[in-house]
Amino acid sequence: MIWSLIKVLLFVLVIAGLTLAAGLLADTGGGIRIEVAGWEFMLGPLQAVIAGLVLIALVWLVFKVLGLLLATIRFLNGDETAISRYFDRNRERKGYRALSEGLMALASGEHRLAMNRAQAAEKLLGKPELTTLLVAQAAEAAGDKARATEAYKTLLADDKTRFVAVRGLLKQKLAEGDTETALKLAEKAFELRPKHAETQDLLLRLQSEAGDWSGARATLGAKLKTGALPKDVYRRRDAVLALQEAATVMSDSSSIEAREAAIEANRRSPDLIPAAAMAARSYIEKGDKKNAARVVKKAWEVLPHPDLAAAFAEIEPDEAPTDRLKRFKTLLTVQPDADETRLLHGELLVAAEDFPGARRALGDLADRHPTQRALALMAAIARGEGADDAVVRDLIGKALAAPRGPQWCCDKCQAVHSSWHPVCDNCGGFDTLSWREPPKAAAVPAGLADLMPLLETRPKPASVLEQPDEAEIVDLDEIARRGA
């Protein structure tokens, strides 16, 4: 609109300038004398201006006639579209002008104007690969989803615009929340452009959300081949996908495939704690205790974790507490100053009823880093040493109010998860969960204080290496006998 107003103002100014110039020439009273081949012409000022304009028009007409003659000659020489191109040239210029105005309007946020100019360009140019795409984007920006969908479907018919059409429809389905259709469209887009980085990332995310782990691994391999992913990152993420694939197979009771997938995941990324725990259990199922212990120890060197301790305990599930303590020495000597190592040592000593030794093993951990697990162990130790009930109750109260300690936290959105997952349930981030303290202490579930009158109950004992829930923490006799 502003450009049109500017053009009108410029036209008025030009006409006014020409009128003023003509008036000045008429007032001078002079003239122009022209001699040609013995002929002499006298032109007044106004006549000279008119003659100049006529001459310009004649020159323009001569060029047009010459252009038509050249087009006719090309047509006679076999160019069948030469004459039609000559007459369509002005139409084409108008079409490209409308297309340019539509692009500028779309970039400036004038979506309705962009759609109108795109439709005008579509009529003038007849090039859907240019104009239909602009119509689709303008309609989408203006909120006209039906018109945008129609335009994208039109683009599907042309091989040159099919990928753009599929990508546009894919974004529409994602906005609508139709992830099932979006996954199919992403697969089609990946088939058309397997090297397109954005399509690779989107397909990988949709496959992970849908649980298509084998497909996700294939997409990850394509990212590696195109150079969009470093090899070390690829190995880590492929191990994550292999691990989740193994967990899915295991849930289907296909133990052989699960074992193979779990071991493969652990080989690809030995520092992936869930993969190490699952691989150890796979070796246990095969009766290979030596390799199971080796996998756990190697992962423990990277990060001591309760899941690894639980898997290590499953190697000999029926051993006595004193025998278990001896066997666990291979883990306890690795990173002996780590908090998880101290907690594990304390649990094992409580199970063996060596309460002074358990207190020495914990050291100042309960004061330096008071977590539910550390304080529960201190309560078990105090009860085992015969401390007053008031002391034990005080420790239990502190344990109920204390933070849980390290948990699976998303590095992207900081959401806390009860167990490891390859994809964050909150933000959808892939391989973003790490074992660490959450940025803020997790809120204590409501109703824990109501368990205080039940301190003398005898629920079913828990395994010495299982991390207790709140109900298990408050059973003092069980804590003293088996550990937190």
Protein backbone atom coordinates (compact mmCIF):
# COMPACT_ATOMS: atom_id res chain seq x y z
CA MET A 1 0.00 0.00 0.00
CA ILE A 2 2.74 2.47 0.88
CA TRP A 3 4.65 1.69 -2.32
CA SER A 4 1.51 2.27 -4.41
CA LEU A 5 0.96 5.64 -2.73
CA ILE A 6 4.57 6.61 -3.39
CA LYS A 7 4.19 5.74 -7.09
CA VAL A 8 1.05 7.91 -7.38
CA LEU A 9 2.81 10.84 -5.71
CA LEU A 10 5.82 10.49 -8.01
CA PHE A 11 3.53 10.46 -11.07
CA VAL A 12 1.77 13.64 -9.92
CA LEU A 13 5.10 15.34 -9.27
CA VAL A 14 6.42 14.42 -12.74
CA ILE A 15 3.30 15.74 -14.46
CA ALA A 16 3.47 18.93 -12.43
CA GLY A 17 7.14 19.36 -13.32
CA LEU A 18 6.50 18.86 -17.03
CA THR A 19 3.60 21.32 -16.96
CA LEU A 20 5.73 23.93 -15.22
CA ALA A 21 8.58 23.42 -17.71
CA ALA A 22 6.21 23.77 -20.66
CA GLY A 23 4.81 26.98 -19.21
CA LEU A 24 8.30 28.42 -18.78
CA LEU A 25 9.20 27.55 -22.38
CA ALA A 26 6.02 29.18 -23.65
CA ASP A 27 6.82 32.37 -21.75
CA THR A 28 10.32 32.67 -23.26
CA GLY A 29 8.90 33.24 -26.74
CA GLY A 30 11.84 31.56 -28.40
CA GLY A 31 11.82 28.63 -30.81
CA ILE A 32 13.81 25.86 -32.46
CA ARG A 33 14.87 25.90 -36.14
CA ILE A 34 15.52 22.57 -37.88
CA GLU A 35 17.05 22.27 -41.39
CA VAL A 36 16.88 18.92 -43.18
CA ALA A 37 17.79 18.48 -46.90
CA GLY A 38 16.86 22.06 -47.79
CA TRP A 39 13.75 22.03 -45.69
CA GLU A 40 13.49 24.38 -42.74
CA PHE A 41 11.17 23.98 -39.76
CA MET A 42 10.45 26.45 -36.98
CA LEU A 43 9.06 24.99 -33.76
CA GLY A 44 7.88 26.96 -30.81
CA PRO A 45 8.74 25.86 -27.26
CA LEU A 46 5.56 23.87 -26.69
CA GLN A 47 5.77 22.37 -30.18
CA ALA A 48 9.34 21.30 -29.49
CA VAL A 49 8.28 19.47 -26.29
CA ILE A 50 5.48 17.72 -28.15
CA ALA A 51 7.85 16.78 -30.96
CA GLY A 52 10.30 15.34 -28.43
CA LEU A 53 7.60 13.21 -26.82
CA VAL A 54 6.46 11.99 -30.22
CA LEU A 55 10.04 11.13 -31.12
CA ILE A 56 10.43 9.11 -27.90
CA ALA A 57 7.20 7.27 -28.66
CA LEU A 58 8.36 6.53 -32.20
CA VAL A 59 11.68 5.18 -30.93
CA TRP A 60 9.84 2.94 -28.42
CA LEU A 61 7.53 1.75 -31.18
CA VAL A 62 10.47 1.01 -33.48
CA PHE A 63 12.11 -1.16 -30.78
CA LYS A 64 8.86 -3.02 -30.24
CA VAL A 65 8.45 -3.65 -33.96
CA LEU A 66 12.04 -4.79 -34.20
CA GLY A 67 11.48 -7.18 -31.26
CA LEU A 68 8.40 -8.58 -32.98
CA LEU A 69 10.32 -9.01 -36.24
CA LEU A 70 13.13 -10.86 -34.43
CA ALA A 71 10.57 -13.11 -32.68
CA THR A 72 8.94 -13.82 -36.06
CA ILE A 73 12.29 -14.72 -37.58
CA ARG A 74 13.03 -17.11 -34.68
CA PHE A 75 9.58 -18.64 -35.09
CA LEU A 76 10.21 -19.19 -38.80
CA ASN A 77 13.53 -20.84 -37.89
CA GLY A 78 11.78 -23.45 -35.74
CA ASP A 79 11.31 -21.79 -32.36
CA GLU A 80 7.59 -22.48 -31.91
CA THR A 81 7.20 -20.42 -28.73
CA ALA A 82 9.14 -17.33 -29.84
CA ILE A 83 6.09 -15.18 -30.68
CA SER A 84 4.13 -16.30 -27.58
CA ARG A 85 7.12 -15.48 -25.40
CA TYR A 86 7.28 -12.03 -26.96
CA PHE A 87 3.68 -11.22 -26.05
CA ASP A 88 3.97 -12.88 -22.63
CA ARG A 89 7.06 -10.95 -21.65
CA ASN A 90 5.11 -8.07 -20.13
CA ARG A 91 2.83 -10.52 -18.34
CA GLU A 92 5.88 -12.29 -16.95
CA ARG A 93 7.34 -9.05 -15.68
CA LYS A 94 4.11 -8.28 -13.87
CA GLY A 95 4.08 -11.79 -12.44
CA TYR A 96 7.60 -11.55 -11.06
CA ARG A 97 6.81 -8.13 -9.66
CA ALA A 98 3.79 -9.60 -7.86
CA LEU A 99 5.92 -12.51 -6.63
CA SER A 100 8.56 -10.13 -5.29
CA GLU A 101 5.91 -8.00 -3.56
CA GLY A 102 4.43 -11.17 -2.04
CA LEU A 103 7.78 -12.26 -0.64
CA MET A 104 8.40 -8.82 0.83
CA ALA A 105 4.91 -8.78 2.37
CA LEU A 106 5.46 -12.24 3.87
CA ALA A 107 8.78 -11.17 5.36
CA SER A 108 7.24 -8.00 6.82
CA GLY A 109 4.32 -9.86 8.42
CA GLU A 110 1.58 -8.70 6.02
CA HIS A 111 0.26 -12.21 5.49
CA ARG A 112 -3.03 -11.37 3.78
CA LEU A 113 -1.30 -9.06 1.29
CA ALA A 114 1.32 -11.75 0.69
CA MET A 115 -1.38 -14.29 -0.12
CA ASN A 116 -3.14 -11.87 -2.52
CA ARG A 117 0.09 -11.07 -4.34
CA ALA A 118 0.99 -14.75 -4.47
CA GLN A 119 -2.35 -15.58 -6.08
CA ALA A 120 -1.84 -12.76 -8.60
CA ALA A 121 1.64 -14.06 -9.41
CA GLU A 122 0.20 -17.55 -9.79
CA LYS A 123 -2.23 -16.31 -12.48
CA LEU A 124 0.41 -14.28 -14.32
CA LEU A 125 3.39 -16.66 -14.24
CA GLY A 126 1.95 -20.14 -14.32
CA LYS A 127 4.92 -21.51 -12.33
CA PRO A 128 3.47 -23.44 -9.38
CA GLU A 129 6.90 -24.39 -8.05
CA LEU A 130 7.32 -20.70 -7.18
CA THR A 131 3.89 -19.25 -6.64
CA THR A 132 2.13 -22.20 -4.95
CA LEU A 133 4.86 -22.42 -2.34
CA LEU A 134 4.40 -18.72 -1.57
CA VAL A 135 0.64 -19.23 -1.38
CA ALA A 136 1.12 -22.13 1.06
CA GLN A 137 3.48 -20.21 3.32
CA ALA A 138 1.37 -17.04 3.24
CA ALA A 139 -1.82 -18.98 3.97
CA GLU A 140 -0.10 -20.84 6.79
CA ALA A 141 1.14 -17.58 8.30
CA ALA A 142 -2.34 -16.05 7.95
CA GLY A 143 -3.91 -19.01 9.77
CA ASP A 144 -5.71 -20.42 6.72
CA LYS A 145 -4.69 -24.05 7.25
CA ALA A 146 -7.11 -25.44 4.67
CA ARG A 147 -5.67 -23.22 1.91
CA ALA A 148 -2.13 -24.06 3.01
CA THR A 149 -2.86 -27.81 3.00
CA GLU A 150 -4.40 -27.55 -0.47
CA ALA A 151 -1.32 -25.71 -1.75
CA TYR A 152 1.06 -28.27 -0.24
CA LYS A 153 -0.92 -31.13 -1.79
CA THR A 154 -0.63 -29.38 -5.15
CA LEU A 155 3.14 -29.27 -4.73
CA LEU A 156 3.23 -33.04 -4.14
CA ALA A 157 2.57 -33.64 -7.85
CA ASP A 158 5.94 -32.16 -8.91
CA ASP A 159 9.17 -34.02 -8.18
CA LYS A 160 11.01 -30.72 -7.69
CA THR A 161 8.64 -29.52 -4.97
CA ARG A 162 7.60 -32.82 -3.37
CA PHE A 163 10.10 -32.61 -0.51
CA VAL A 164 9.03 -29.07 0.35
CA ALA A 165 5.38 -30.18 0.28
CA VAL A 166 6.00 -33.16 2.55
CA ARG A 167 7.96 -30.97 4.96
CA GLY A 168 5.16 -28.41 5.07
CA LEU A 169 2.52 -31.07 5.74
CA LEU A 170 4.81 -32.59 8.37
CA LYS A 171 5.00 -29.30 10.28
CA GLN A 172 1.23 -28.98 10.12
CA LYS A 173 0.72 -32.44 11.63
CA LEU A 174 3.24 -31.70 14.37
CA ALA A 175 1.37 -28.50 15.22
CA GLU A 176 -1.87 -30.49 15.38
CA GLY A 177 -0.29 -33.12 17.64
CA ASP A 178 -0.81 -35.94 15.13
CA THR A 179 2.56 -37.62 15.73
CA GLU A 180 1.55 -40.87 14.02
CA THR A 181 0.96 -39.16 10.67
CA ALA A 182 3.94 -36.90 11.29
CA LEU A 183 6.18 -39.97 11.67
CA LYS A 184 5.04 -41.33 8.30
CA LEU A 185 5.62 -37.96 6.65
CA ALA A 186 9.06 -37.70 8.28
CA GLU A 187 9.95 -41.13 6.92
CA LYS A 188 8.85 -39.99 3.44
CA ALA A 189 10.86 -36.76 3.74
CA PHE A 190 13.90 -38.77 4.85
CA GLU A 191 13.45 -41.05 1.85
CA LEU A 192 13.41 -38.02 -0.47
CA ARG A 193 16.33 -36.20 1.19
CA PRO A 194 18.31 -38.59 3.40
CA LYS A 195 21.08 -36.01 3.93
CA HIS A 196 18.79 -33.25 5.20
CA ALA A 197 19.95 -32.61 8.79
CA GLU A 198 16.69 -31.17 10.13
CA THR A 199 14.70 -34.09 8.74
CA GLN A 200 17.16 -36.55 10.30
CA ASP A 201 16.80 -34.95 13.73
CA LEU A 202 13.01 -34.77 13.51
CA LEU A 203 12.68 -38.36 12.34
CA LEU A 204 15.02 -39.55 15.10
CA ARG A 205 12.92 -37.77 17.73
CA LEU A 206 9.61 -39.11 16.38
CA GLN A 207 10.99 -42.66 16.15
CA SER A 208 12.26 -42.47 19.72
CA GLU A 209 8.92 -41.19 20.98
CA ALA A 210 7.13 -43.97 19.10
CA GLY A 211 9.49 -46.65 20.44
CA ASP A 212 10.86 -47.56 16.99
CA TRP A 213 14.37 -48.16 18.29
CA SER A 214 15.66 -50.13 15.29
CA GLY A 215 14.45 -47.39 12.94
CA ALA A 216 16.02 -44.76 15.16
CA ARG A 217 19.35 -46.59 15.01
CA ALA A 218 19.16 -46.61 11.19
CA THR A 219 18.49 -42.87 11.19
CA LEU A 220 21.40 -42.32 13.57
CA GLY A 221 23.64 -44.26 11.20
CA ALA A 222 22.56 -41.99 8.35
CA LYS A 223 23.55 -38.96 10.43
CA LEU A 224 26.99 -40.48 10.93
CA LYS A 225 27.43 -41.15 7.20
CA THR A 226 26.54 -37.57 6.28
CA GLY A 227 29.05 -36.21 8.79
CA ALA A 228 26.37 -34.56 10.93
CA LEU A 229 27.43 -36.50 14.03
CA PRO A 230 30.89 -37.11 15.56
CA LYS A 231 31.85 -40.75 16.00
CA ASP A 232 32.05 -40.61 19.78
CA VAL A 233 28.58 -39.04 20.04
CA TYR A 234 27.28 -41.63 17.59
CA ARG A 235 28.64 -44.51 19.66
CA ARG A 236 27.08 -43.14 22.82
CA ARG A 237 23.65 -42.50 21.28
CA ASP A 238 23.65 -45.79 19.41
CA ALA A 239 24.37 -47.52 22.72
CA VAL A 240 21.39 -45.69 24.24
CA LEU A 241 19.13 -46.89 21.43
CA ALA A 242 20.53 -50.41 21.61
CA LEU A 243 19.90 -50.43 25.35
CA GLN A 244 16.28 -49.37 24.95
CA GLU A 245 15.86 -51.89 22.15
CA ALA A 246 17.19 -54.53 24.54
CA ALA A 247 14.77 -53.43 27.27
CA THR A 248 11.88 -53.73 24.82
CA VAL A 249 12.97 -57.19 23.74
CA MET A 250 13.39 -58.25 27.34
CA SER A 251 9.89 -57.08 28.14
CA ASP A 252 8.68 -59.41 25.40
CA SER A 253 10.44 -62.33 27.18
CA SER A 254 12.84 -62.88 24.28
CA SER A 255 15.87 -63.39 26.49
CA ILE A 256 18.40 -64.37 23.81
CA GLU A 257 17.88 -61.24 21.75
CA ALA A 258 17.78 -59.16 24.91
CA ARG A 259 21.11 -60.50 26.08
CA GLU A 260 22.77 -59.82 22.76
CA ALA A 261 21.37 -56.28 22.51
CA ALA A 262 22.24 -55.44 26.11
CA ILE A 263 25.82 -56.67 25.74
CA GLU A 264 26.17 -54.75 22.47
CA ALA A 265 24.95 -51.56 24.16
CA ASN A 266 27.47 -52.01 26.96
CA ARG A 267 30.33 -52.60 24.53
CA ARG A 268 29.47 -49.46 22.60
CA SER A 269 29.34 -47.28 25.72
CA PRO A 270 30.75 -48.92 28.89
CA ASP A 271 29.98 -45.77 30.93
CA LEU A 272 26.23 -46.09 30.28
CA ILE A 273 25.07 -47.34 33.68
CA PRO A 274 21.73 -48.90 32.61
CA ALA A 275 23.47 -50.73 29.78
CA ALA A 276 26.11 -52.09 32.15
CA ALA A 277 23.47 -53.29 34.63
CA MET A 278 21.44 -54.96 31.91
CA ALA A 279 24.51 -56.53 30.33
CA ALA A 280 25.56 -57.92 33.73
CA ARG A 281 22.12 -59.47 34.21
CA SER A 282 22.34 -60.91 30.69
CA TYR A 283 25.63 -62.58 31.57
CA ILE A 284 24.07 -63.86 34.81
CA GLU A 285 21.26 -65.46 32.83
CA LYS A 286 23.88 -67.19 30.70
CA GLY A 287 25.71 -68.37 33.83
CA ASP A 288 28.75 -66.25 33.00
CA LYS A 289 29.41 -64.76 36.44
CA LYS A 290 32.95 -63.72 35.63
CA ASN A 291 31.92 -61.43 32.77
CA ALA A 292 29.00 -60.10 34.79
CA ALA A 293 31.38 -59.02 37.57
CA ARG A 294 33.81 -57.56 35.03
CA VAL A 295 31.09 -55.40 33.41
CA VAL A 296 29.90 -54.06 36.77
CA LYS A 297 33.41 -53.27 37.98
CA LYS A 298 34.31 -51.45 34.78
CA ALA A 299 31.18 -49.29 34.99
CA TRP A 300 31.74 -48.70 38.73
CA GLU A 301 35.14 -47.22 37.90
CA VAL A 302 33.33 -44.58 35.86
CA LEU A 303 30.43 -43.90 38.23
CA PRO A 304 29.45 -45.82 41.38
CA HIS A 305 25.71 -46.39 41.18
CA PRO A 306 23.14 -48.37 43.21
CA ASP A 307 21.87 -50.15 40.08
CA LEU A 308 25.35 -51.57 39.54
CA ALA A 309 25.51 -52.75 43.15
CA ALA A 310 22.13 -54.43 42.77
CA ALA A 311 23.29 -56.22 39.63
CA PHE A 312 26.50 -57.29 41.41
CA ALA A 313 24.44 -58.71 44.27
CA GLU A 314 22.38 -60.79 41.82
CA ILE A 315 25.51 -62.70 40.79
CA GLU A 316 25.28 -64.60 44.12
CA PRO A 317 21.72 -63.99 45.36
CA ASP A 318 21.74 -66.52 48.24
CA GLU A 319 25.07 -65.76 49.88
CA ALA A 320 25.37 -64.88 53.57
CA PRO A 321 25.92 -61.22 54.59
CA THR A 322 29.55 -61.88 55.62
CA ASP A 323 30.28 -63.65 52.33
CA ARG A 324 28.64 -60.83 50.40
CA LEU A 325 30.79 -58.30 52.22
CA LYS A 326 33.93 -60.17 51.21
CA ARG A 327 32.86 -60.48 47.57
CA PHE A 328 31.97 -56.77 47.37
CA LYS A 329 35.53 -55.81 48.33
CA THR A 330 36.33 -55.73 44.61
CA LEU A 331 33.89 -52.83 44.24
CA LEU A 332 34.60 -51.13 47.54
CA THR A 333 38.29 -50.72 46.69
CA VAL A 334 37.34 -48.82 43.51
CA GLN A 335 36.70 -45.16 44.27
CA PRO A 336 36.59 -45.81 48.05
CA ASP A 337 35.93 -42.15 48.89
CA ALA A 338 32.86 -41.84 46.65
CA ASP A 339 29.59 -41.27 48.51
CA GLU A 340 27.93 -44.26 46.82
CA THR A 341 30.83 -46.51 47.84
CA ARG A 342 30.52 -45.39 51.46
CA LEU A 343 26.76 -45.95 51.45
CA LEU A 344 27.15 -49.40 49.91
CA HIS A 345 29.83 -50.33 52.45
CA GLY A 346 27.62 -49.13 55.28
CA GLU A 347 24.64 -51.17 54.02
CA LEU A 348 26.72 -54.30 53.78
CA LEU A 349 28.10 -53.86 57.29
CA VAL A 350 24.62 -53.20 58.70
CA ALA A 351 23.43 -56.40 57.03
CA ALA A 352 26.37 -58.20 58.69
CA GLU A 353 25.40 -56.53 62.02
CA ASP A 354 28.75 -54.78 62.29
CA PHE A 355 27.27 -51.45 63.40
CA PRO A 356 30.50 -49.77 64.61
CA GLY A 357 32.13 -50.70 61.32
CA ALA A 358 29.14 -49.27 59.42
CA ARG A 359 29.48 -45.99 61.32
CA ARG A 360 33.20 -45.84 60.43
CA ALA A 361 32.42 -46.64 56.81
CA LEU A 362 29.95 -43.73 56.55
CA GLY A 363 32.30 -41.32 58.31
CA ASP A 364 30.96 -37.76 58.19
CA LEU A 365 28.71 -38.44 55.20
CA ALA A 366 25.47 -37.95 57.15
CA ASP A 367 26.68 -34.50 58.28
CA ARG A 368 28.43 -33.48 55.08
CA HIS A 369 25.76 -34.74 52.68
CA PRO A 370 22.59 -35.66 54.59
CA THR A 371 20.32 -37.61 52.25
CA GLN A 372 17.42 -39.93 52.98
CA ARG A 373 19.57 -42.97 52.45
CA ALA A 374 22.49 -41.77 54.61
CA LEU A 375 20.25 -40.73 57.51
CA ALA A 376 18.25 -43.97 57.30
CA LEU A 377 21.49 -45.90 57.59
CA MET A 378 22.48 -43.81 60.59
CA ALA A 379 19.10 -44.62 62.16
CA ALA A 380 19.68 -48.33 61.54
CA ILE A 381 23.16 -48.08 63.05
CA ALA A 382 21.86 -46.20 66.08
CA ARG A 383 19.12 -48.79 66.62
CA GLY A 384 21.61 -51.64 66.22
CA GLU A 385 23.93 -50.04 68.79
CA GLY A 386 21.07 -49.79 71.29
CA ALA A 387 20.52 -46.04 71.19
CA ASP A 388 17.41 -44.50 72.72
CA ASP A 389 14.24 -44.49 70.64
CA ALA A 390 14.24 -40.68 70.77
CA VAL A 391 17.59 -40.58 68.98
CA VAL A 392 16.43 -43.05 66.38
CA ARG A 393 13.14 -41.22 65.87
CA ASP A 394 15.01 -37.96 65.41
CA LEU A 395 17.18 -39.51 62.70
CA ILE A 396 14.10 -40.96 61.00
CA GLY A 397 12.41 -37.55 61.06
CA LYS A 398 15.48 -35.98 59.46
CA ALA A 399 15.55 -38.72 56.83
CA LEU A 400 11.93 -38.06 55.89
CA ALA A 401 12.65 -34.37 55.36
CA ALA A 402 16.04 -34.82 53.67
CA PRO A 403 16.59 -34.75 49.90
CA ARG A 404 16.74 -38.07 48.10
CA GLY A 405 20.27 -37.49 46.83
CA PRO A 406 21.43 -38.21 43.26
CA GLN A 407 18.65 -39.02 40.81
CA TRP A 408 18.15 -39.28 37.07
CA CYS A 409 17.87 -35.60 36.07
CA CYS A 410 17.39 -34.12 32.62
CA ASP A 411 20.27 -31.83 31.69
CA LYS A 412 17.94 -29.87 29.41
CA CYS A 413 14.86 -29.15 31.53
CA GLN A 414 16.07 -30.37 34.97
CA ALA A 415 13.09 -32.73 35.34
CA VAL A 416 13.63 -35.59 37.82
CA HIS A 417 12.87 -39.19 36.72
CA SER A 418 12.41 -42.24 38.90
CA SER A 419 14.34 -44.37 36.42
CA TRP A 420 16.53 -43.89 33.35
CA HIS A 421 14.89 -43.32 29.96
CA PRO A 422 16.48 -42.49 26.60
CA VAL A 423 14.00 -39.65 26.07
CA CYS A 424 13.01 -37.13 28.73
CA ASP A 425 9.30 -37.44 29.50
CA ASN A 426 9.07 -33.71 30.15
CA CYS A 427 10.92 -31.98 27.31
CA GLY A 428 11.51 -34.82 24.84
CA GLY A 429 15.30 -34.43 24.96
CA PHE A 430 17.25 -37.44 23.71
CA ASP A 431 20.01 -38.88 25.93
CA THR A 432 19.76 -35.96 28.36
CA LEU A 433 19.36 -37.88 31.64
CA SER A 434 22.35 -37.98 33.97
CA TRP A 435 22.81 -39.30 37.52
CA ARG A 436 23.29 -36.26 39.73
CA GLU A 437 21.74 -34.09 42.39
CA PRO A 438 18.69 -32.19 41.08
CA PRO A 439 19.01 -28.39 41.11
CA LYS A 440 16.37 -28.22 43.84
CA ALA A 441 15.56 -30.86 46.42
CA ALA A 442 12.69 -33.06 45.36
CA ALA A 443 9.52 -32.36 47.27
CA VAL A 444 8.64 -34.93 49.93
CA PRO A 445 5.37 -36.67 49.00
CA ALA A 446 2.42 -35.72 51.17
CA GLY A 447 1.37 -38.08 53.91
CA LEU A 448 4.83 -39.26 55.04
CA ALA A 449 4.32 -37.82 58.51
CA ASP A 450 1.27 -40.10 58.90
CA LEU A 451 3.63 -43.12 58.86
CA MET A 452 5.29 -42.11 62.13
CA PRO A 453 2.85 -44.09 64.37
CA LEU A 454 3.72 -47.26 62.40
CA LEU A 455 7.38 -47.40 63.46
CA GLU A 456 7.04 -50.80 65.11
CA THR A 457 5.36 -52.54 62.16
CA ARG A 458 7.02 -55.47 60.38
CA PRO A 459 6.58 -55.18 56.61
CA LYS A 460 8.16 -57.69 54.29
CA PRO A 461 12.00 -57.27 54.33
CA ALA A 462 13.61 -55.55 51.36
CA SER A 463 16.84 -56.56 49.68
CA VAL A 464 19.92 -55.07 51.27
CA LEU A 465 20.88 -53.38 48.03
CA GLU A 466 17.48 -51.99 47.05
CA GLN A 467 17.10 -48.28 47.67
CA PRO A 468 14.26 -47.95 50.24
CA ASP A 469 11.10 -46.05 49.71
CA GLU A 470 9.67 -43.91 52.51
CA ALA A 471 7.54 -46.70 53.98
CA GLU A 472 10.58 -48.97 54.34
CA ILE A 473 12.70 -46.26 55.97
CA VAL A 474 10.43 -45.95 59.02
CA ASP A 475 10.64 -49.66 59.99
CA LEU A 476 13.46 -49.45 62.56
CA ASP A 477 13.78 -53.13 63.38
CA GLU A 478 13.99 -54.04 59.71
CA ILE A 479 16.54 -51.28 59.08
CA ALA A 480 18.68 -52.55 61.91
CA ARG A 481 18.48 -56.12 60.64
CA ARG A 482 18.82 -55.67 56.85
CA GLY A 483 19.92 -52.08 56.15
CA ALA A 484 18.27 -49.17 54.42
